[in-house]
mmCIF file of all heavy atoms, coordinates in Angstrom:
data_MODEL
# 
_entry.id   MODEL 
# 
loop_
_atom_site.group_PDB 
_atom_site.id 
_atom_site.type_symbol 
_atom_site.label_atom_id 
_atom_site.label_alt_id 
_atom_site.label_comp_id 
_atom_site.label_asym_id 
_atom_site.label_entity_id 
_atom_site.label_seq_id 
_atom_site.pdbx_PDB_ins_code 
_atom_site.Cartn_x 
_atom_site.Cartn_y 
_atom_site.Cartn_z 
_atom_site.occupancy 
_atom_site.B_iso_or_equiv 
_atom_site.pdbx_formal_charge 
_atom_site.auth_seq_id 
_atom_site.auth_comp_id 
_atom_site.auth_asym_id 
_atom_site.auth_atom_id 
_atom_site.pdbx_PDB_model_num 
ATOM 1   N N   . SER A 1 1  ? 0.829   -1.199 0.000   1.00 0.00 ? 1  SER A N   1 
ATOM 2   C CA  . SER A 1 1  ? 0.000   0.000  0.000   1.00 0.00 ? 1  SER A CA  1 
ATOM 3   C C   . SER A 1 1  ? 0.867   1.255  0.000   1.00 0.00 ? 1  SER A C   1 
ATOM 4   O O   . SER A 1 1  ? 0.587   2.215  -0.733  1.00 0.00 ? 1  SER A O   1 
ATOM 5   C CB  . SER A 1 1  ? -0.924  0.001  1.223   1.00 0.00 ? 1  SER A CB  1 
ATOM 6   O OG  . SER A 1 1  ? -1.807  -1.098 1.183   1.00 0.00 ? 1  SER A OG  1 
ATOM 7   N N   . LEU A 1 2  ? 1.922   1.246  0.812   1.00 0.00 ? 2  LEU A N   1 
ATOM 8   C CA  . LEU A 1 2  ? 2.833   2.385  0.816   1.00 0.00 ? 2  LEU A CA  1 
ATOM 9   C C   . LEU A 1 2  ? 3.527   2.516  -0.528  1.00 0.00 ? 2  LEU A C   1 
ATOM 10  O O   . LEU A 1 2  ? 3.696   3.633  -1.050  1.00 0.00 ? 2  LEU A O   1 
ATOM 11  C CB  . LEU A 1 2  ? 3.872   2.221  1.937   1.00 0.00 ? 2  LEU A CB  1 
ATOM 12  C CG  . LEU A 1 2  ? 4.942   3.317  2.011   1.00 0.00 ? 2  LEU A CG  1 
ATOM 13  C CD1 . LEU A 1 2  ? 4.304   4.693  2.191   1.00 0.00 ? 2  LEU A CD1 1 
ATOM 14  C CD2 . LEU A 1 2  ? 5.940   3.024  3.140   1.00 0.00 ? 2  LEU A CD2 1 
ATOM 15  N N   . GLN A 1 3  ? 3.907   1.410  -1.118  1.00 0.00 ? 3  GLN A N   1 
ATOM 16  C CA  . GLN A 1 3  ? 4.557   1.445  -2.426  1.00 0.00 ? 3  GLN A CA  1 
ATOM 17  C C   . GLN A 1 3  ? 3.626   2.055  -3.477  1.00 0.00 ? 3  GLN A C   1 
ATOM 18  O O   . GLN A 1 3  ? 4.058   2.827  -4.337  1.00 0.00 ? 3  GLN A O   1 
ATOM 19  C CB  . GLN A 1 3  ? 4.967   0.030  -2.838  1.00 0.00 ? 3  GLN A CB  1 
ATOM 20  C CG  . GLN A 1 3  ? 5.743   -0.047 -4.132  1.00 0.00 ? 3  GLN A CG  1 
ATOM 21  C CD  . GLN A 1 3  ? 6.390   -1.396 -4.330  1.00 0.00 ? 3  GLN A CD  1 
ATOM 22  O OE1 . GLN A 1 3  ? 7.444   -1.700 -3.781  1.00 0.00 ? 3  GLN A OE1 1 
ATOM 23  N NE2 . GLN A 1 3  ? 5.745   -2.244 -5.105  1.00 0.00 ? 3  GLN A NE2 1 
ATOM 24  N N   . ALA A 1 4  ? 2.340   1.720  -3.401  1.00 0.00 ? 4  ALA A N   1 
ATOM 25  C CA  . ALA A 1 4  ? 1.372   2.291  -4.340  1.00 0.00 ? 4  ALA A CA  1 
ATOM 26  C C   . ALA A 1 4  ? 1.238   3.794  -4.138  1.00 0.00 ? 4  ALA A C   1 
ATOM 27  O O   . ALA A 1 4  ? 1.064   4.555  -5.104  1.00 0.00 ? 4  ALA A O   1 
ATOM 28  C CB  . ALA A 1 4  ? 0.016   1.610  -4.172  1.00 0.00 ? 4  ALA A CB  1 
ATOM 29  N N   . LEU A 1 5  ? 1.331   4.246  -2.900  1.00 0.00 ? 5  LEU A N   1 
ATOM 30  C CA  . LEU A 1 5  ? 1.278   5.684  -2.636  1.00 0.00 ? 5  LEU A CA  1 
ATOM 31  C C   . LEU A 1 5  ? 2.506   6.382  -3.216  1.00 0.00 ? 5  LEU A C   1 
ATOM 32  O O   . LEU A 1 5  ? 2.405   7.468  -3.797  1.00 0.00 ? 5  LEU A O   1 
ATOM 33  C CB  . LEU A 1 5  ? 1.200   5.940  -1.126  1.00 0.00 ? 5  LEU A CB  1 
ATOM 34  C CG  . LEU A 1 5  ? -0.137  5.628  -0.451  1.00 0.00 ? 5  LEU A CG  1 
ATOM 35  C CD1 . LEU A 1 5  ? -0.017  5.801  1.060   1.00 0.00 ? 5  LEU A CD1 1 
ATOM 36  C CD2 . LEU A 1 5  ? -1.234  6.540  -1.003  1.00 0.00 ? 5  LEU A CD2 1 
ATOM 37  N N   . VAL A 1 6  ? 3.669   5.770  -3.059  1.00 0.00 ? 6  VAL A N   1 
ATOM 38  C CA  . VAL A 1 6  ? 4.907   6.368  -3.558  1.00 0.00 ? 6  VAL A CA  1 
ATOM 39  C C   . VAL A 1 6  ? 4.895   6.479  -5.081  1.00 0.00 ? 6  VAL A C   1 
ATOM 40  O O   . VAL A 1 6  ? 5.361   7.472  -5.652  1.00 0.00 ? 6  VAL A O   1 
ATOM 41  C CB  . VAL A 1 6  ? 6.130   5.556  -3.081  1.00 0.00 ? 6  VAL A CB  1 
ATOM 42  C CG1 . VAL A 1 6  ? 7.414   6.061  -3.741  1.00 0.00 ? 6  VAL A CG1 1 
ATOM 43  C CG2 . VAL A 1 6  ? 6.271   5.639  -1.564  1.00 0.00 ? 6  VAL A CG2 1 
ATOM 44  N N   . THR A 1 7  ? 4.363   5.474  -5.740  1.00 0.00 ? 7  THR A N   1 
ATOM 45  C CA  . THR A 1 7  ? 4.333   5.474  -7.205  1.00 0.00 ? 7  THR A CA  1 
ATOM 46  C C   . THR A 1 7  ? 3.073   6.122  -7.767  1.00 0.00 ? 7  THR A C   1 
ATOM 47  O O   . THR A 1 7  ? 2.926   6.228  -8.987  1.00 0.00 ? 7  THR A O   1 
ATOM 48  C CB  . THR A 1 7  ? 4.414   4.038  -7.750  1.00 0.00 ? 7  THR A CB  1 
ATOM 49  O OG1 . THR A 1 7  ? 3.251   3.307  -7.336  1.00 0.00 ? 7  THR A OG1 1 
ATOM 50  C CG2 . THR A 1 7  ? 5.671   3.341  -7.263  1.00 0.00 ? 7  THR A CG2 1 
ATOM 51  N N   . GLY A 1 8  ? 2.141   6.523  -6.895  1.00 0.00 ? 8  GLY A N   1 
ATOM 52  C CA  . GLY A 1 8  ? 0.884   7.051  -7.383  1.00 0.00 ? 8  GLY A CA  1 
ATOM 53  C C   . GLY A 1 8  ? 0.041   5.994  -8.060  1.00 0.00 ? 8  GLY A C   1 
ATOM 54  O O   . GLY A 1 8  ? -0.831  6.318  -8.870  1.00 0.00 ? 8  GLY A O   1 
ATOM 55  N N   . ALA A 1 9  ? 0.285   4.719  -7.728  1.00 0.00 ? 9  ALA A N   1 
ATOM 56  C CA  . ALA A 1 9  ? -0.427  3.579  -8.336  1.00 0.00 ? 9  ALA A CA  1 
ATOM 57  C C   . ALA A 1 9  ? -0.362  3.642  -9.857  1.00 0.00 ? 9  ALA A C   1 
ATOM 58  O O   . ALA A 1 9  ? -1.293  3.198  -10.546 1.00 0.00 ? 9  ALA A O   1 
ATOM 59  C CB  . ALA A 1 9  ? -1.884  3.522  -7.853  1.00 0.00 ? 9  ALA A CB  1 
ATOM 60  N N   . LEU A 1 10 ? 0.739   4.173  -10.378 1.00 0.00 ? 10 LEU A N   1 
ATOM 61  C CA  . LEU A 1 10 ? 0.887   4.351  -11.822 1.00 0.00 ? 10 LEU A CA  1 
ATOM 62  C C   . LEU A 1 10 ? 0.794   3.025  -12.575 1.00 0.00 ? 10 LEU A C   1 
ATOM 63  O O   . LEU A 1 10 ? 0.078   2.905  -13.565 1.00 0.00 ? 10 LEU A O   1 
ATOM 64  C CB  . LEU A 1 10 ? 2.232   5.029  -12.111 1.00 0.00 ? 10 LEU A CB  1 
ATOM 65  C CG  . LEU A 1 10 ? 2.626   5.247  -13.566 1.00 0.00 ? 10 LEU A CG  1 
ATOM 66  C CD1 . LEU A 1 10 ? 1.707   6.278  -14.213 1.00 0.00 ? 10 LEU A CD1 1 
ATOM 67  C CD2 . LEU A 1 10 ? 4.088   5.697  -13.669 1.00 0.00 ? 10 LEU A CD2 1 
ATOM 68  N N   . HIS A 1 11 ? 1.512   2.032  -12.092 1.00 0.00 ? 11 HIS A N   1 
ATOM 69  C CA  . HIS A 1 11 ? 1.549   0.755  -12.798 1.00 0.00 ? 11 HIS A CA  1 
ATOM 70  C C   . HIS A 1 11 ? 0.274   -0.056 -12.559 1.00 0.00 ? 11 HIS A C   1 
ATOM 71  O O   . HIS A 1 11 ? -0.178  -0.776 -13.456 1.00 0.00 ? 11 HIS A O   1 
ATOM 72  C CB  . HIS A 1 11 ? 2.775   -0.044 -12.367 1.00 0.00 ? 11 HIS A CB  1 
ATOM 73  C CG  . HIS A 1 11 ? 4.035   0.755  -12.437 1.00 0.00 ? 11 HIS A CG  1 
ATOM 74  N ND1 . HIS A 1 11 ? 4.446   1.399  -13.578 1.00 0.00 ? 11 HIS A ND1 1 
ATOM 75  C CD2 . HIS A 1 11 ? 4.985   1.033  -11.495 1.00 0.00 ? 11 HIS A CD2 1 
ATOM 76  C CE1 . HIS A 1 11 ? 5.585   2.037  -13.346 1.00 0.00 ? 11 HIS A CE1 1 
ATOM 77  N NE2 . HIS A 1 11 ? 5.929   1.821  -12.099 1.00 0.00 ? 11 HIS A NE2 1 
ATOM 78  N N   . GLU A 1 12 ? -0.284  0.066  -11.355 1.00 0.00 ? 12 GLU A N   1 
ATOM 79  C CA  . GLU A 1 12 ? -1.555  -0.605 -11.084 1.00 0.00 ? 12 GLU A CA  1 
ATOM 80  C C   . GLU A 1 12 ? -2.647  -0.082 -12.022 1.00 0.00 ? 12 GLU A C   1 
ATOM 81  O O   . GLU A 1 12 ? -3.496  -0.847 -12.494 1.00 0.00 ? 12 GLU A O   1 
ATOM 82  C CB  . GLU A 1 12 ? -1.962  -0.387 -9.624  1.00 0.00 ? 12 GLU A CB  1 
ATOM 83  C CG  . GLU A 1 12 ? -1.186  -1.194 -8.609  1.00 0.00 ? 12 GLU A CG  1 
ATOM 84  C CD  . GLU A 1 12 ? 0.144   -0.552 -8.203  1.00 0.00 ? 12 GLU A CD  1 
ATOM 85  O OE1 . GLU A 1 12 ? 0.508   0.481  -8.803  1.00 0.00 ? 12 GLU A OE1 1 
ATOM 86  O OE2 . GLU A 1 12 ? 0.813   -1.095 -7.313  1.00 0.00 ? 12 GLU A OE2 1 
ATOM 87  N N   . ASP A 1 13 ? -2.629  1.209  -12.279 1.00 0.00 ? 13 ASP A N   1 
ATOM 88  C CA  . ASP A 1 13 ? -3.603  1.796  -13.205 1.00 0.00 ? 13 ASP A CA  1 
ATOM 89  C C   . ASP A 1 13 ? -3.441  1.210  -14.609 1.00 0.00 ? 13 ASP A C   1 
ATOM 90  O O   . ASP A 1 13 ? -4.430  0.907  -15.285 1.00 0.00 ? 13 ASP A O   1 
ATOM 91  C CB  . ASP A 1 13 ? -3.425  3.318  -13.241 1.00 0.00 ? 13 ASP A CB  1 
ATOM 92  C CG  . ASP A 1 13 ? -4.397  3.986  -14.201 1.00 0.00 ? 13 ASP A CG  1 
ATOM 93  O OD1 . ASP A 1 13 ? -5.602  4.013  -13.916 1.00 0.00 ? 13 ASP A OD1 1 
ATOM 94  O OD2 . ASP A 1 13 ? -3.943  4.492  -15.254 1.00 0.00 ? 13 ASP A OD2 1 
ATOM 95  N N   . GLY A 1 14 ? -2.191  1.047  -15.039 1.00 0.00 ? 14 GLY A N   1 
ATOM 96  C CA  . GLY A 1 14 ? -1.940  0.457  -16.349 1.00 0.00 ? 14 GLY A CA  1 
ATOM 97  C C   . GLY A 1 14 ? -2.423  -0.973 -16.430 1.00 0.00 ? 14 GLY A C   1 
ATOM 98  O O   . GLY A 1 14 ? -3.015  -1.393 -17.438 1.00 0.00 ? 14 GLY A O   1 
ATOM 99  N N   . LEU A 1 15 ? -2.203  -1.742 -15.362 1.00 0.00 ? 15 LEU A N   1 
ATOM 100 C CA  . LEU A 1 15 ? -2.666  -3.127 -15.339 1.00 0.00 ? 15 LEU A CA  1 
ATOM 101 C C   . LEU A 1 15 ? -4.182  -3.189 -15.434 1.00 0.00 ? 15 LEU A C   1 
ATOM 102 O O   . LEU A 1 15 ? -4.737  -3.993 -16.198 1.00 0.00 ? 15 LEU A O   1 
ATOM 103 C CB  . LEU A 1 15 ? -2.194  -3.818 -14.051 1.00 0.00 ? 15 LEU A CB  1 
ATOM 104 C CG  . LEU A 1 15 ? -2.693  -5.250 -13.834 1.00 0.00 ? 15 LEU A CG  1 
ATOM 105 C CD1 . LEU A 1 15 ? -2.110  -6.182 -14.883 1.00 0.00 ? 15 LEU A CD1 1 
ATOM 106 C CD2 . LEU A 1 15 ? -2.345  -5.731 -12.423 1.00 0.00 ? 15 LEU A CD2 1 
ATOM 107 N N   . ALA A 1 16 ? -4.869  -2.348 -14.666 1.00 0.00 ? 16 ALA A N   1 
ATOM 108 C CA  . ALA A 1 16 ? -6.332  -2.354 -14.674 1.00 0.00 ? 16 ALA A CA  1 
ATOM 109 C C   . ALA A 1 16 ? -6.878  -1.962 -16.046 1.00 0.00 ? 16 ALA A C   1 
ATOM 110 O O   . ALA A 1 16 ? -7.822  -2.584 -16.553 1.00 0.00 ? 16 ALA A O   1 
ATOM 111 C CB  . ALA A 1 16 ? -6.864  -1.401 -13.600 1.00 0.00 ? 16 ALA A CB  1 
ATOM 112 N N   . ASP A 1 17 ? -6.287  -0.937 -16.659 1.00 0.00 ? 17 ASP A N   1 
ATOM 113 C CA  . ASP A 1 17 ? -6.748  -0.502 -17.978 1.00 0.00 ? 17 ASP A CA  1 
ATOM 114 C C   . ASP A 1 17 ? -6.537  -1.590 -19.028 1.00 0.00 ? 17 ASP A C   1 
ATOM 115 O O   . ASP A 1 17 ? -7.390  -1.810 -19.898 1.00 0.00 ? 17 ASP A O   1 
ATOM 116 C CB  . ASP A 1 17 ? -6.028  0.779  -18.394 1.00 0.00 ? 17 ASP A CB  1 
ATOM 117 C CG  . ASP A 1 17 ? -6.526  2.002  -17.639 1.00 0.00 ? 17 ASP A CG  1 
ATOM 118 O OD1 . ASP A 1 17 ? -7.614  1.924  -17.049 1.00 0.00 ? 17 ASP A OD1 1 
ATOM 119 O OD2 . ASP A 1 17 ? -5.823  3.032  -17.634 1.00 0.00 ? 17 ASP A OD2 1 
ATOM 120 N N   . CYS A 1 18 ? -5.402  -2.276 -18.958 1.00 0.00 ? 18 CYS A N   1 
ATOM 121 C CA  . CYS A 1 18 ? -5.143  -3.356 -19.903 1.00 0.00 ? 18 CYS A CA  1 
ATOM 122 C C   . CYS A 1 18 ? -6.119  -4.509 -19.700 1.00 0.00 ? 18 CYS A C   1 
ATOM 123 O O   . CYS A 1 18 ? -6.616  -5.093 -20.682 1.00 0.00 ? 18 CYS A O   1 
ATOM 124 C CB  . CYS A 1 18 ? -3.709  -3.864 -19.749 1.00 0.00 ? 18 CYS A CB  1 
ATOM 125 S SG  . CYS A 1 18 ? -2.467  -2.809 -20.502 1.00 0.00 ? 18 CYS A SG  1 
ATOM 126 N N   . ALA A 1 19 ? -6.387  -4.857 -18.451 1.00 0.00 ? 19 ALA A N   1 
ATOM 127 C CA  . ALA A 1 19 ? -7.322  -5.949 -18.183 1.00 0.00 ? 19 ALA A CA  1 
ATOM 128 C C   . ALA A 1 19 ? -8.703  -5.618 -18.733 1.00 0.00 ? 19 ALA A C   1 
ATOM 129 O O   . ALA A 1 19 ? -9.361  -6.472 -19.350 1.00 0.00 ? 19 ALA A O   1 
ATOM 130 C CB  . ALA A 1 19 ? -7.392  -6.219 -16.683 1.00 0.00 ? 19 ALA A CB  1 
ATOM 131 N N   . ASP A 1 20 ? -9.146  -4.384 -18.533 1.00 0.00 ? 20 ASP A N   1 
ATOM 132 C CA  . ASP A 1 20 ? -10.452 -3.975 -19.059 1.00 0.00 ? 20 ASP A CA  1 
ATOM 133 C C   . ASP A 1 20 ? -10.448 -3.973 -20.587 1.00 0.00 ? 20 ASP A C   1 
ATOM 134 O O   . ASP A 1 20 ? -11.401 -4.437 -21.225 1.00 0.00 ? 20 ASP A O   1 
ATOM 135 C CB  . ASP A 1 20 ? -10.814 -2.579 -18.542 1.00 0.00 ? 20 ASP A CB  1 
ATOM 136 C CG  . ASP A 1 20 ? -11.343 -2.604 -17.118 1.00 0.00 ? 20 ASP A CG  1 
ATOM 137 O OD1 . ASP A 1 20 ? -11.910 -3.627 -16.713 1.00 0.00 ? 20 ASP A OD1 1 
ATOM 138 O OD2 . ASP A 1 20 ? -11.196 -1.583 -16.412 1.00 0.00 ? 20 ASP A OD2 1 
ATOM 139 N N   . GLY A 1 21 ? -9.378  -3.414 -21.169 1.00 0.00 ? 21 GLY A N   1 
ATOM 140 C CA  . GLY A 1 21 ? -9.318  -3.313 -22.623 1.00 0.00 ? 21 GLY A CA  1 
ATOM 141 C C   . GLY A 1 21 ? -9.224  -4.659 -23.303 1.00 0.00 ? 21 GLY A C   1 
ATOM 142 O O   . GLY A 1 21 ? -10.020 -4.977 -24.203 1.00 0.00 ? 21 GLY A O   1 
ATOM 143 N N   . PHE A 1 22 ? -8.277  -5.473 -22.880 1.00 0.00 ? 22 PHE A N   1 
ATOM 144 C CA  . PHE A 1 22 ? -8.095  -6.781 -23.499 1.00 0.00 ? 22 PHE A CA  1 
ATOM 145 C C   . PHE A 1 22 ? -9.247  -7.731 -23.167 1.00 0.00 ? 22 PHE A C   1 
ATOM 146 O O   . PHE A 1 22 ? -9.587  -8.612 -23.954 1.00 0.00 ? 22 PHE A O   1 
ATOM 147 C CB  . PHE A 1 22 ? -6.770  -7.398 -23.070 1.00 0.00 ? 22 PHE A CB  1 
ATOM 148 C CG  . PHE A 1 22 ? -5.570  -6.659 -23.584 1.00 0.00 ? 22 PHE A CG  1 
ATOM 149 C CD1 . PHE A 1 22 ? -4.390  -6.609 -22.843 1.00 0.00 ? 22 PHE A CD1 1 
ATOM 150 C CD2 . PHE A 1 22 ? -5.602  -6.008 -24.803 1.00 0.00 ? 22 PHE A CD2 1 
ATOM 151 C CE1 . PHE A 1 22 ? -3.277  -5.932 -23.314 1.00 0.00 ? 22 PHE A CE1 1 
ATOM 152 C CE2 . PHE A 1 22 ? -4.493  -5.324 -25.280 1.00 0.00 ? 22 PHE A CE2 1 
ATOM 153 C CZ  . PHE A 1 22 ? -3.332  -5.282 -24.542 1.00 0.00 ? 22 PHE A CZ  1 
ATOM 154 N N   . GLY A 1 23 ? -9.828  -7.544 -21.983 1.00 0.00 ? 23 GLY A N   1 
ATOM 155 C CA  . GLY A 1 23 ? -10.917 -8.425 -21.588 1.00 0.00 ? 23 GLY A CA  1 
ATOM 156 C C   . GLY A 1 23 ? -12.252 -8.047 -22.203 1.00 0.00 ? 23 GLY A C   1 
ATOM 157 O O   . GLY A 1 23 ? -13.082 -8.920 -22.466 1.00 0.00 ? 23 GLY A O   1 
ATOM 158 N N   . GLY A 1 24 ? -12.472 -6.747 -22.439 1.00 0.00 ? 24 GLY A N   1 
ATOM 159 C CA  . GLY A 1 24 ? -13.772 -6.307 -22.917 1.00 0.00 ? 24 GLY A CA  1 
ATOM 160 C C   . GLY A 1 24 ? -13.821 -5.865 -24.366 1.00 0.00 ? 24 GLY A C   1 
ATOM 161 O O   . GLY A 1 24 ? -14.907 -5.788 -24.958 1.00 0.00 ? 24 GLY A O   1 
ATOM 162 N N   . GLY A 1 25 ? -12.679 -5.561 -24.972 1.00 0.00 ? 25 GLY A N   1 
ATOM 163 C CA  . GLY A 1 25 ? -12.677 -5.076 -26.342 1.00 0.00 ? 25 GLY A CA  1 
ATOM 164 C C   . GLY A 1 25 ? -12.510 -6.197 -27.351 1.00 0.00 ? 25 GLY A C   1 
ATOM 165 O O   . GLY A 1 25 ? -11.803 -7.175 -27.090 1.00 0.00 ? 25 GLY A O   1 
# 
């Protein structure tokens, strides 16, 4: 959780967007 705060959850956001895109498009 602290690591996500330090990075601004930048990579987690990319993972979520890819999962939605590849899964739904």
